[in-house]
Amino acid sequence: MKIINVNLKVKPGMQSEYEQFIKDLVEGSLAEAGNVYYGHFRKVDSFDEYEIIEQWQDQAAVDFHNETPHFQKFLAHIGDYLVKDPQIFRMDYED
């Protein structure tokens, strides 16, 4: 299993716009065949820090996800909402 955590810090005052923007990514990702889990959360005690937690069956599922229209839209526009580049943590998990 592939696990990916993404930390995002949103520009002040753009939280509502960001949350609306991210819905397409979350909904599209949840519908993908290789997706095990896809969650988007605002961090506790923060108004501008978020995290995406992803779990994928295998690398093929991640590769497919990376080519989807909803992920490509995310890549093209996420910079409009963030103070800094996302922090991405990739992990492998084997049963």
PDB file of N, CA and C in Angstrom:
ATOM      1  N   MET A   1       0.856  -1.180   0.000  1.00  0.00           N
ATOM      2  CA  MET A   1       0.000   0.000   0.000  1.00  0.00           C
ATOM      3  C   MET A   1       0.892   1.231   0.000  1.00  0.00           C
ATOM      4  N   LYS A   2       0.458   2.234  -0.724  1.00  0.00           N
ATOM      5  CA  LYS A   2       1.154   3.522  -0.768  1.00  0.00           C
ATOM      6  C   LYS A   2       0.352   4.528   0.062  1.00  0.00           C
ATOM      7  N   ILE A   3       1.050   5.226   0.944  1.00  0.00           N
ATOM      8  CA  ILE A   3       0.432   6.250   1.787  1.00  0.00           C
ATOM      9  C   ILE A   3       1.106   7.578   1.477  1.00  0.00           C
ATOM     10  N   ILE A   4       0.291   8.591   1.266  1.00  0.00           N
ATOM     11  CA  ILE A   4       0.808   9.928   0.971  1.00  0.00           C
ATOM     12  C   ILE A   4       0.095  10.915   1.876  1.00  0.00           C
ATOM     13  N   ASN A   5       0.863  11.706   2.613  1.00  0.00           N
ATOM     14  CA  ASN A   5       0.318  12.794   3.429  1.00  0.00           C
ATOM     15  C   ASN A   5       0.826  14.107   2.857  1.00  0.00           C
ATOM     16  N   VAL A   6      -0.071  15.058   2.719  1.00  0.00           N
ATOM     17  CA  VAL A   6       0.277  16.351   2.134  1.00  0.00           C
ATOM     18  C   VAL A   6      -0.159  17.452   3.099  1.00  0.00           C
ATOM     19  N   ASN A   7       0.793  18.270   3.550  1.00  0.00           N
ATOM     20  CA  ASN A   7       0.500  19.414   4.416  1.00  0.00           C
ATOM     21  C   ASN A   7       0.398  20.667   3.563  1.00  0.00           C
ATOM     22  N   LEU A   8      -0.668  21.453   3.800  1.00  0.00           N
ATOM     23  CA  LEU A   8      -0.936  22.646   3.010  1.00  0.00           C
ATOM     24  C   LEU A   8      -1.210  23.833   3.924  1.00  0.00           C
ATOM     25  N   LYS A   9      -0.590  24.964   3.638  1.00  0.00           N
ATOM     26  CA  LYS A   9      -0.834  26.198   4.402  1.00  0.00           C
ATOM     27  C   LYS A   9      -1.455  27.217   3.451  1.00  0.00           C
ATOM     28  N   VAL A  10      -2.708  27.563   3.728  1.00  0.00           N
ATOM     29  CA  VAL A  10      -3.511  28.404   2.845  1.00  0.00           C
ATOM     30  C   VAL A  10      -3.301  29.886   3.168  1.00  0.00           C
ATOM     31  N   LYS A  11      -3.321  30.704   2.127  1.00  0.00           N
ATOM     32  CA  LYS A  11      -3.186  32.151   2.279  1.00  0.00           C
ATOM     33  C   LYS A  11      -4.306  32.684   3.181  1.00  0.00           C
ATOM     34  N   PRO A  12      -3.998  33.671   4.023  1.00  0.00           N
ATOM     35  CA  PRO A  12      -5.031  34.254   4.895  1.00  0.00           C
ATOM     36  C   PRO A  12      -6.231  34.755   4.083  1.00  0.00           C
ATOM     37  N   GLY A  13      -7.407  34.439   4.573  1.00  0.00           N
ATOM     38  CA  GLY A  13      -8.636  34.898   3.942  1.00  0.00           C
ATOM     39  C   GLY A  13      -9.087  34.071   2.756  1.00  0.00           C
ATOM     40  N   MET A  14      -8.354  33.039   2.380  1.00  0.00           N
ATOM     41  CA  MET A  14      -8.718  32.224   1.211  1.00  0.00           C
ATOM     42  C   MET A  14      -9.234  30.834   1.591  1.00  0.00           C
ATOM     43  N   GLN A  15      -9.506  30.618   2.871  1.00  0.00           N
ATOM     44  CA  GLN A  15      -9.899  29.296   3.321  1.00  0.00           C
ATOM     45  C   GLN A  15     -11.178  28.799   2.631  1.00  0.00           C
ATOM     46  N   SER A  16     -12.189  29.625   2.547  1.00  0.00           N
ATOM     47  CA  SER A  16     -13.451  29.195   1.930  1.00  0.00           C
ATOM     48  C   SER A  16     -13.263  28.855   0.462  1.00  0.00           C
ATOM     49  N   GLU A  17     -12.540  29.704  -0.258  1.00  0.00           N
ATOM     50  CA  GLU A  17     -12.277  29.439  -1.680  1.00  0.00           C
ATOM     51  C   GLU A  17     -11.467  28.166  -1.845  1.00  0.00           C
ATOM     52  N   TYR A  18     -10.459  27.978  -1.012  1.00  0.00           N
ATOM     53  CA  TYR A  18      -9.636  26.775  -1.056  1.00  0.00           C
ATOM     54  C   TYR A  18     -10.486  25.525  -0.798  1.00  0.00           C
ATOM     55  N   GLU A  19     -11.311  25.564   0.241  1.00  0.00           N
ATOM     56  CA  GLU A  19     -12.137  24.406   0.580  1.00  0.00           C
ATOM     57  C   GLU A  19     -13.081  24.048  -0.559  1.00  0.00           C
ATOM     58  N   GLN A  20     -13.609  25.037  -1.253  1.00  0.00           N
ATOM     59  CA  GLN A  20     -14.464  24.771  -2.415  1.00  0.00           C
ATOM     60  C   GLN A  20     -13.645  24.153  -3.542  1.00  0.00           C
ATOM     61  N   PHE A  21     -12.458  24.689  -3.782  1.00  0.00           N
ATOM     62  CA  PHE A  21     -11.568  24.194  -4.831  1.00  0.00           C
ATOM     63  C   PHE A  21     -11.174  22.736  -4.586  1.00  0.00           C
ATOM     64  N   ILE A  22     -10.878  22.375  -3.360  1.00  0.00           N
ATOM     65  CA  ILE A  22     -10.338  21.051  -3.054  1.00  0.00           C
ATOM     66  C   ILE A  22     -11.398  19.953  -3.152  1.00  0.00           C
ATOM     67  N   LYS A  23     -12.679  20.317  -3.133  1.00  0.00           N
ATOM     68  CA  LYS A  23     -13.752  19.320  -3.184  1.00  0.00           C
ATOM     69  C   LYS A  23     -13.663  18.437  -4.423  1.00  0.00           C
ATOM     70  N   ASP A  24     -13.355  19.010  -5.588  1.00  0.00           N
ATOM     71  CA  ASP A  24     -13.244  18.222  -6.818  1.00  0.00           C
ATOM     72  C   ASP A  24     -12.163  17.159  -6.699  1.00  0.00           C
ATOM     73  N   LEU A  25     -11.034  17.537  -6.120  1.00  0.00           N
ATOM     74  CA  LEU A  25      -9.930  16.584  -5.943  1.00  0.00           C
ATOM     75  C   LEU A  25     -10.353  15.442  -5.031  1.00  0.00           C
ATOM     76  N   VAL A  26     -10.953  15.761  -3.907  1.00  0.00           N
ATOM     77  CA  VAL A  26     -11.345  14.734  -2.942  1.00  0.00           C
ATOM     78  C   VAL A  26     -12.396  13.806  -3.538  1.00  0.00           C
ATOM     79  N   GLU A  27     -13.443  14.371  -4.129  1.00  0.00           N
ATOM     80  CA  GLU A  27     -14.515  13.545  -4.684  1.00  0.00           C
ATOM     81  C   GLU A  27     -14.013  12.669  -5.828  1.00  0.00           C
ATOM     82  N   GLY A  28     -13.205  13.250  -6.721  1.00  0.00           N
ATOM     83  CA  GLY A  28     -12.667  12.474  -7.829  1.00  0.00           C
ATOM     84  C   GLY A  28     -11.743  11.372  -7.361  1.00  0.00           C
ATOM     85  N   SER A  29     -10.915  11.656  -6.376  1.00  0.00           N
ATOM     86  CA  SER A  29      -9.955  10.677  -5.873  1.00  0.00           C
ATOM     87  C   SER A  29     -10.656   9.516  -5.171  1.00  0.00           C
ATOM     88  N   LEU A  30     -11.690   9.830  -4.399  1.00  0.00           N
ATOM     89  CA  LEU A  30     -12.440   8.775  -3.714  1.00  0.00           C
ATOM     90  C   LEU A  30     -13.090   7.803  -4.688  1.00  0.00           C
ATOM     91  N   ALA A  31     -13.416   8.263  -5.887  1.00  0.00           N
ATOM     92  CA  ALA A  31     -14.088   7.429  -6.878  1.00  0.00           C
ATOM     93  C   ALA A  31     -13.128   6.548  -7.678  1.00  0.00           C
ATOM     94  N   GLU A  32     -11.827   6.731  -7.521  1.00  0.00           N
ATOM     95  CA  GLU A  32     -10.858   5.963  -8.294  1.00  0.00           C
ATOM     96  C   GLU A  32     -10.774   4.518  -7.793  1.00  0.00           C
ATOM     97  N   ALA A  33     -10.617   3.597  -8.733  1.00  0.00           N
ATOM     98  CA  ALA A  33     -10.608   2.164  -8.415  1.00  0.00           C
ATOM     99  C   ALA A  33      -9.491   1.784  -7.445  1.00  0.00           C
ATOM    100  N   GLY A  34      -8.309   2.367  -7.550  1.00  0.00           N
ATOM    101  CA  GLY A  34      -7.190   1.988  -6.703  1.00  0.00           C
ATOM    102  C   GLY A  34      -7.112   2.717  -5.379  1.00  0.00           C
ATOM    103  N   ASN A  35      -8.122   3.534  -5.085  1.00  0.00           N
ATOM    104  CA  ASN A  35      -8.099   4.307  -3.844  1.00  0.00           C
ATOM    105  C   ASN A  35      -8.613   3.474  -2.681  1.00  0.00           C
ATOM    106  N   VAL A  36      -7.873   3.491  -1.574  1.00  0.00           N
ATOM    107  CA  VAL A  36      -8.285   2.823  -0.345  1.00  0.00           C
ATOM    108  C   VAL A  36      -8.896   3.848   0.609  1.00  0.00           C
ATOM    109  N   TYR A  37      -8.282   5.034   0.666  1.00  0.00           N
ATOM    110  CA  TYR A  37      -8.764   6.099   1.545  1.00  0.00           C
ATOM    111  C   TYR A  37      -8.254   7.431   1.017  1.00  0.00           C
ATOM    112  N   TYR A  38      -9.097   8.459   1.125  1.00  0.00           N
ATOM    113  CA  TYR A  38      -8.688   9.806   0.736  1.00  0.00           C
ATOM    114  C   TYR A  38      -9.425  10.793   1.631  1.00  0.00           C
ATOM    115  N   GLY A  39      -8.701  11.457   2.514  1.00  0.00           N
ATOM    116  CA  GLY A  39      -9.322  12.396   3.437  1.00  0.00           C
ATOM    117  C   GLY A  39      -8.643  13.751   3.402  1.00  0.00           C
ATOM    118  N   HIS A  40      -9.428  14.781   3.599  1.00  0.00           N
ATOM    119  CA  HIS A  40      -8.928  16.160   3.645  1.00  0.00           C
ATOM    120  C   HIS A  40      -9.410  16.783   4.944  1.00  0.00           C
ATOM    121  N   PHE A  41      -8.474  17.328   5.722  1.00  0.00           N
ATOM    122  CA  PHE A  41      -8.806  17.824   7.051  1.00  0.00           C
ATOM    123  C   PHE A  41      -8.156  19.177   7.312  1.00  0.00           C
ATOM    124  N   ARG A  42      -8.850  20.016   8.084  1.00  0.00           N
ATOM    125  CA  ARG A  42      -8.231  21.222   8.629  1.00  0.00           C
ATOM    126  C   ARG A  42      -7.606  20.815   9.951  1.00  0.00           C
ATOM    127  N   LYS A  43      -6.390  21.239  10.184  1.00  0.00           N
ATOM    128  CA  LYS A  43      -5.691  20.857  11.402  1.00  0.00           C
ATOM    129  C   LYS A  43      -6.347  21.499  12.630  1.00  0.00           C
ATOM    130  N   VAL A  44      -6.332  20.775  13.717  1.00  0.00           N
ATOM    131  CA  VAL A  44      -6.904  21.250  14.970  1.00  0.00           C
ATOM    132  C   VAL A  44      -6.182  22.534  15.393  1.00  0.00           C
ATOM    133  N   ASP A  45      -6.930  23.506  15.880  1.00  0.00           N
ATOM    134  CA  ASP A  45      -6.381  24.779  16.362  1.00  0.00           C
ATOM    135  C   ASP A  45      -5.700  25.594  15.274  1.00  0.00           C
ATOM    136  N   SER A  46      -6.122  25.430  14.034  1.00  0.00           N
ATOM    137  CA  SER A  46      -5.562  26.220  12.941  1.00  0.00           C
ATOM    138  C   SER A  46      -6.679  26.560  11.963  1.00  0.00           C
ATOM    139  N   PHE A  47      -6.616  27.763  11.430  1.00  0.00           N
ATOM    140  CA  PHE A  47      -7.603  28.167  10.443  1.00  0.00           C
ATOM    141  C   PHE A  47      -7.057  28.106   9.029  1.00  0.00           C
ATOM    142  N   ASP A  48      -5.748  27.883   8.888  1.00  0.00           N
ATOM    143  CA  ASP A  48      -5.165  27.946   7.554  1.00  0.00           C
ATOM    144  C   ASP A  48      -4.246  26.773   7.209  1.00  0.00           C
ATOM    145  N   GLU A  49      -4.216  25.749   8.061  1.00  0.00           N
ATOM    146  CA  GLU A  49      -3.384  24.573   7.795  1.00  0.00           C
ATOM    147  C   GLU A  49      -4.274  23.348   7.594  1.00  0.00           C
ATOM    148  N   TYR A  50      -3.989  22.632   6.511  1.00  0.00           N
ATOM    149  CA  TYR A  50      -4.791  21.477   6.125  1.00  0.00           C
ATOM    150  C   TYR A  50      -3.878  20.296   5.847  1.00  0.00           C
ATOM    151  N   GLU A  51      -4.484  19.116   5.815  1.00  0.00           N
ATOM    152  CA  GLU A  51      -3.731  17.924   5.461  1.00  0.00           C
ATOM    153  C   GLU A  51      -4.602  17.012   4.606  1.00  0.00           C
ATOM    154  N   ILE A  52      -3.980  16.452   3.584  1.00  0.00           N
ATOM    155  CA  ILE A  52      -4.599  15.404   2.781  1.00  0.00           C
ATOM    156  C   ILE A  52      -3.918  14.105   3.173  1.00  0.00           C
ATOM    157  N   ILE A  53      -4.715  13.086   3.474  1.00  0.00           N
ATOM    158  CA  ILE A  53      -4.198  11.766   3.807  1.00  0.00           C
ATOM    159  C   ILE A  53      -4.736  10.802   2.757  1.00  0.00           C
ATOM    160  N   GLU A  54      -3.813  10.161   2.032  1.00  0.00           N
ATOM    161  CA  GLU A  54      -4.171   9.281   0.925  1.00  0.00           C
ATOM    162  C   GLU A  54      -3.642   7.874   1.184  1.00  0.00           C
ATOM    163  N   GLN A  55      -4.431   6.886   0.796  1.00  0.00           N
ATOM    164  CA  GLN A  55      -3.972   5.500   0.800  1.00  0.00           C
ATOM    165  C   GLN A  55      -4.364   4.876  -0.533  1.00  0.00           C
ATOM    166  N   TRP A  56      -3.384   4.274  -1.193  1.00  0.00           N
ATOM    167  CA  TRP A  56      -3.567   3.682  -2.517  1.00  0.00           C
ATOM    168  C   TRP A  56      -3.149   2.219  -2.478  1.00  0.00           C
ATOM    169  N   GLN A  57      -3.813   1.395  -3.283  1.00  0.00           N
ATOM    170  CA  GLN A  57      -3.509  -0.038  -3.308  1.00  0.00           C
ATOM    171  C   GLN A  57      -2.061  -0.312  -3.676  1.00  0.00           C
ATOM    172  N   ASP A  58      -1.542   0.420  -4.656  1.00  0.00           N
ATOM    173  CA  ASP A  58      -0.186   0.162  -5.141  1.00  0.00           C
ATOM    174  C   ASP A  58       0.298   1.355  -5.962  1.00  0.00           C
ATOM    175  N   GLN A  59       1.513   1.270  -6.465  1.00  0.00           N
ATOM    176  CA  GLN A  59       2.080   2.376  -7.239  1.00  0.00           C
ATOM    177  C   GLN A  59       1.311   2.617  -8.525  1.00  0.00           C
ATOM    178  N   ALA A  60       0.764   1.566  -9.121  1.00  0.00           N
ATOM    179  CA  ALA A  60      -0.034   1.731 -10.342  1.00  0.00           C
ATOM    180  C   ALA A  60      -1.250   2.628 -10.080  1.00  0.00           C
ATOM    181  N   ALA A  61      -1.871   2.484  -8.915  1.00  0.00           N
ATOM    182  CA  ALA A  61      -3.018   3.329  -8.554  1.00  0.00           C
ATOM    183  C   ALA A  61      -2.585   4.781  -8.385  1.00  0.00           C
ATOM    184  N   VAL A  62      -1.415   5.006  -7.783  1.00  0.00           N
ATOM    185  CA  VAL A  62      -0.878   6.369  -7.628  1.00  0.00           C
ATOM    186  C   VAL A  62      -0.583   6.965  -9.001  1.00  0.00           C
ATOM    187  N   ASP A  63       0.046   6.182  -9.860  1.00  0.00           N
ATOM    188  CA  ASP A  63       0.375   6.665 -11.205  1.00  0.00           C
ATOM    189  C   ASP A  63      -0.887   7.040 -11.977  1.00  0.00           C
ATOM    190  N   PHE A  64      -1.930   6.205 -11.880  1.00  0.00           N
ATOM    191  CA  PHE A  64      -3.200   6.515 -12.536  1.00  0.00           C
ATOM    192  C   PHE A  64      -3.785   7.811 -11.978  1.00  0.00           C
ATOM    193  N   HIS A  65      -3.792   7.930 -10.656  1.00  0.00           N
ATOM    194  CA  HIS A  65      -4.317   9.127  -9.983  1.00  0.00           C
ATOM    195  C   HIS A  65      -3.604  10.395 -10.471  1.00  0.00           C
ATOM    196  N   ASN A  66      -2.292  10.300 -10.602  1.00  0.00           N
ATOM    197  CA  ASN A  66      -1.504  11.469 -11.002  1.00  0.00           C
ATOM    198  C   ASN A  66      -1.846  11.981 -12.398  1.00  0.00           C
ATOM    199  N   GLU A  67      -2.487  11.162 -13.216  1.00  0.00           N
ATOM    200  CA  GLU A  67      -2.847  11.564 -14.577  1.00  0.00           C
ATOM    201  C   GLU A  67      -4.312  11.980 -14.721  1.00  0.00           C
ATOM    202  N   THR A  68      -5.089  11.872 -13.662  1.00  0.00           N
ATOM    203  CA  THR A  68      -6.517  12.189 -13.751  1.00  0.00           C
ATOM    204  C   THR A  68      -6.754  13.691 -13.922  1.00  0.00           C
ATOM    205  N   PRO A  69      -7.846  14.069 -14.564  1.00  0.00           N
ATOM    206  CA  PRO A  69      -8.158  15.495 -14.733  1.00  0.00           C
ATOM    207  C   PRO A  69      -8.279  16.247 -13.407  1.00  0.00           C
ATOM    208  N   HIS A  70      -8.874  15.628 -12.389  1.00  0.00           N
ATOM    209  CA  HIS A  70      -9.042  16.339 -11.112  1.00  0.00           C
ATOM    210  C   HIS A  70      -7.693  16.578 -10.431  1.00  0.00           C
ATOM    211  N   PHE A  71      -6.744  15.643 -10.576  1.00  0.00           N
ATOM    212  CA  PHE A  71      -5.424  15.871  -9.979  1.00  0.00           C
ATOM    213  C   PHE A  71      -4.630  16.889 -10.796  1.00  0.00           C
ATOM    214  N   GLN A  72      -4.737  16.841 -12.098  1.00  0.00           N
ATOM    215  CA  GLN A  72      -4.040  17.809 -12.950  1.00  0.00           C
ATOM    216  C   GLN A  72      -4.562  19.226 -12.699  1.00  0.00           C
ATOM    217  N   LYS A  73      -5.874  19.362 -12.471  1.00  0.00           N
ATOM    218  CA  LYS A  73      -6.456  20.667 -12.122  1.00  0.00           C
ATOM    219  C   LYS A  73      -5.890  21.145 -10.779  1.00  0.00           C
ATOM    220  N   PHE A  74      -5.798  20.226  -9.823  1.00  0.00           N
ATOM    221  CA  PHE A  74      -5.218  20.553  -8.524  1.00  0.00           C
ATOM    222  C   PHE A  74      -3.788  21.076  -8.691  1.00  0.00           C
ATOM    223  N   LEU A  75      -2.974  20.362  -9.443  1.00  0.00           N
ATOM    224  CA  LEU A  75      -1.584  20.789  -9.657  1.00  0.00           C
ATOM    225  C   LEU A  75      -1.495  22.162 -10.313  1.00  0.00           C
ATOM    226  N   ALA A  76      -2.371  22.396 -11.278  1.00  0.00           N
ATOM    227  CA  ALA A  76      -2.324  23.644 -12.035  1.00  0.00           C
ATOM    228  C   ALA A  76      -2.720  24.861 -11.210  1.00  0.00           C
ATOM    229  N   HIS A  77      -3.564  24.672 -10.182  1.00  0.00           N
ATOM    230  CA  HIS A  77      -4.129  25.830  -9.472  1.00  0.00           C
ATOM    231  C   HIS A  77      -3.872  25.891  -7.975  1.00  0.00           C
ATOM    232  N   ILE A  78      -3.293  24.848  -7.379  1.00  0.00           N
ATOM    233  CA  ILE A  78      -3.124  24.855  -5.921  1.00  0.00           C
ATOM    234  C   ILE A  78      -2.236  26.011  -5.464  1.00  0.00           C
ATOM    235  N   GLY A  79      -1.274  26.397  -6.264  1.00  0.00           N
ATOM    236  CA  GLY A  79      -0.388  27.504  -5.904  1.00  0.00           C
ATOM    237  C   GLY A  79      -1.116  28.817  -5.697  1.00  0.00           C
ATOM    238  N   ASP A  80      -2.296  28.962  -6.295  1.00  0.00           N
ATOM    239  CA  ASP A  80      -3.098  30.178  -6.122  1.00  0.00           C
ATOM    240  C   ASP A  80      -3.569  30.347  -4.684  1.00  0.00           C
ATOM    241  N   TYR A  81      -3.618  29.247  -3.943  1.00  0.00           N
ATOM    242  CA  TYR A  81      -4.201  29.256  -2.602  1.00  0.00           C
ATOM    243  C   TYR A  81      -3.193  29.150  -1.468  1.00  0.00           C
ATOM    244  N   LEU A  82      -1.957  28.791  -1.777  1.00  0.00           N
ATOM    245  CA  LEU A  82      -1.011  28.455  -0.722  1.00  0.00           C
ATOM    246  C   LEU A  82       0.032  29.528  -0.463  1.00  0.00           C
ATOM    247  N   VAL A  83       0.465  29.594   0.786  1.00  0.00           N
ATOM    248  CA  VAL A  83       1.535  30.490   1.223  1.00  0.00           C
ATOM    249  C   VAL A  83       2.889  29.944   0.775  1.00  0.00           C
ATOM    250  N   LYS A  84       3.027  28.603   0.788  1.00  0.00           N
ATOM    251  CA  LYS A  84       4.280  27.944   0.418  1.00  0.00           C
ATOM    252  C   LYS A  84       3.944  26.614  -0.255  1.00  0.00           C
ATOM    253  N   ASP A  85       4.941  26.014  -0.861  1.00  0.00           N
ATOM    254  CA  ASP A  85       4.734  24.724  -1.507  1.00  0.00           C
ATOM    255  C   ASP A  85       4.243  23.693  -0.501  1.00  0.00           C
ATOM    256  N   PRO A  86       3.402  22.760  -0.952  1.00  0.00           N
ATOM    257  CA  PRO A  86       2.946  21.701  -0.049  1.00  0.00           C
ATOM    258  C   PRO A  86       4.120  20.843   0.416  1.00  0.00           C
ATOM    259  N   GLN A  87       4.017  20.322   1.625  1.00  0.00           N
ATOM    260  CA  GLN A  87       4.978  19.339   2.126  1.00  0.00           C
ATOM    261  C   GLN A  87       4.369  17.972   1.881  1.00  0.00           C
ATOM    262  N   ILE A  88       5.109  17.110   1.186  1.00  0.00           N
ATOM    263  CA  ILE A  88       4.583  15.804   0.799  1.00  0.00           C
ATOM    264  C   ILE A  88       5.433  14.714   1.448  1.00  0.00           C
ATOM    265  N   PHE A  89       4.747  13.776   2.096  1.00  0.00           N
ATOM    266  CA  PHE A  89       5.400  12.648   2.748  1.00  0.00           C
ATOM    267  C   PHE A  89       4.855  11.367   2.121  1.00  0.00           C
ATOM    268  N   ARG A  90       5.738  10.556   1.530  1.00  0.00           N
ATOM    269  CA  ARG A  90       5.350   9.307   0.881  1.00  0.00           C
ATOM    270  C   ARG A  90       5.874   8.120   1.700  1.00  0.00           C
ATOM    271  N   MET A  91       4.993   7.138   1.893  1.00  0.00           N
ATOM    272  CA  MET A  91       5.369   5.976   2.683  1.00  0.00           C
ATOM    273  C   MET A  91       4.831   4.701   2.030  1.00  0.00           C
ATOM    274  N   ASP A  92       5.519   3.602   2.253  1.00  0.00           N
ATOM    275  CA  ASP A  92       5.048   2.282   1.842  1.00  0.00           C
ATOM    276  C   ASP A  92       4.591   1.542   3.082  1.00  0.00           C
ATOM    277  N   TYR A  93       3.500   0.806   2.922  1.00  0.00           N
ATOM    278  CA  TYR A  93       3.014  -0.031   4.013  1.00  0.00           C
ATOM    279  C   TYR A  93       2.736  -1.408   3.455  1.00  0.00           C
ATOM    280  N   GLU A  94       3.281  -2.417   4.090  1.00  0.00           N
ATOM    281  CA  GLU A  94       3.039  -3.790   3.674  1.00  0.00           C
ATOM    282  C   GLU A  94       2.411  -4.535   4.824  1.00  0.00           C
ATOM    283  N   ASP A  95       1.362  -5.296   4.504  1.00  0.00           N
ATOM    284  CA  ASP A  95       0.655  -6.096   5.534  1.00  0.00           C
ATOM    285  C   ASP A  95       1.543  -7.179   6.071  1.00  0.00           C
TER     286      ASP A  95
END
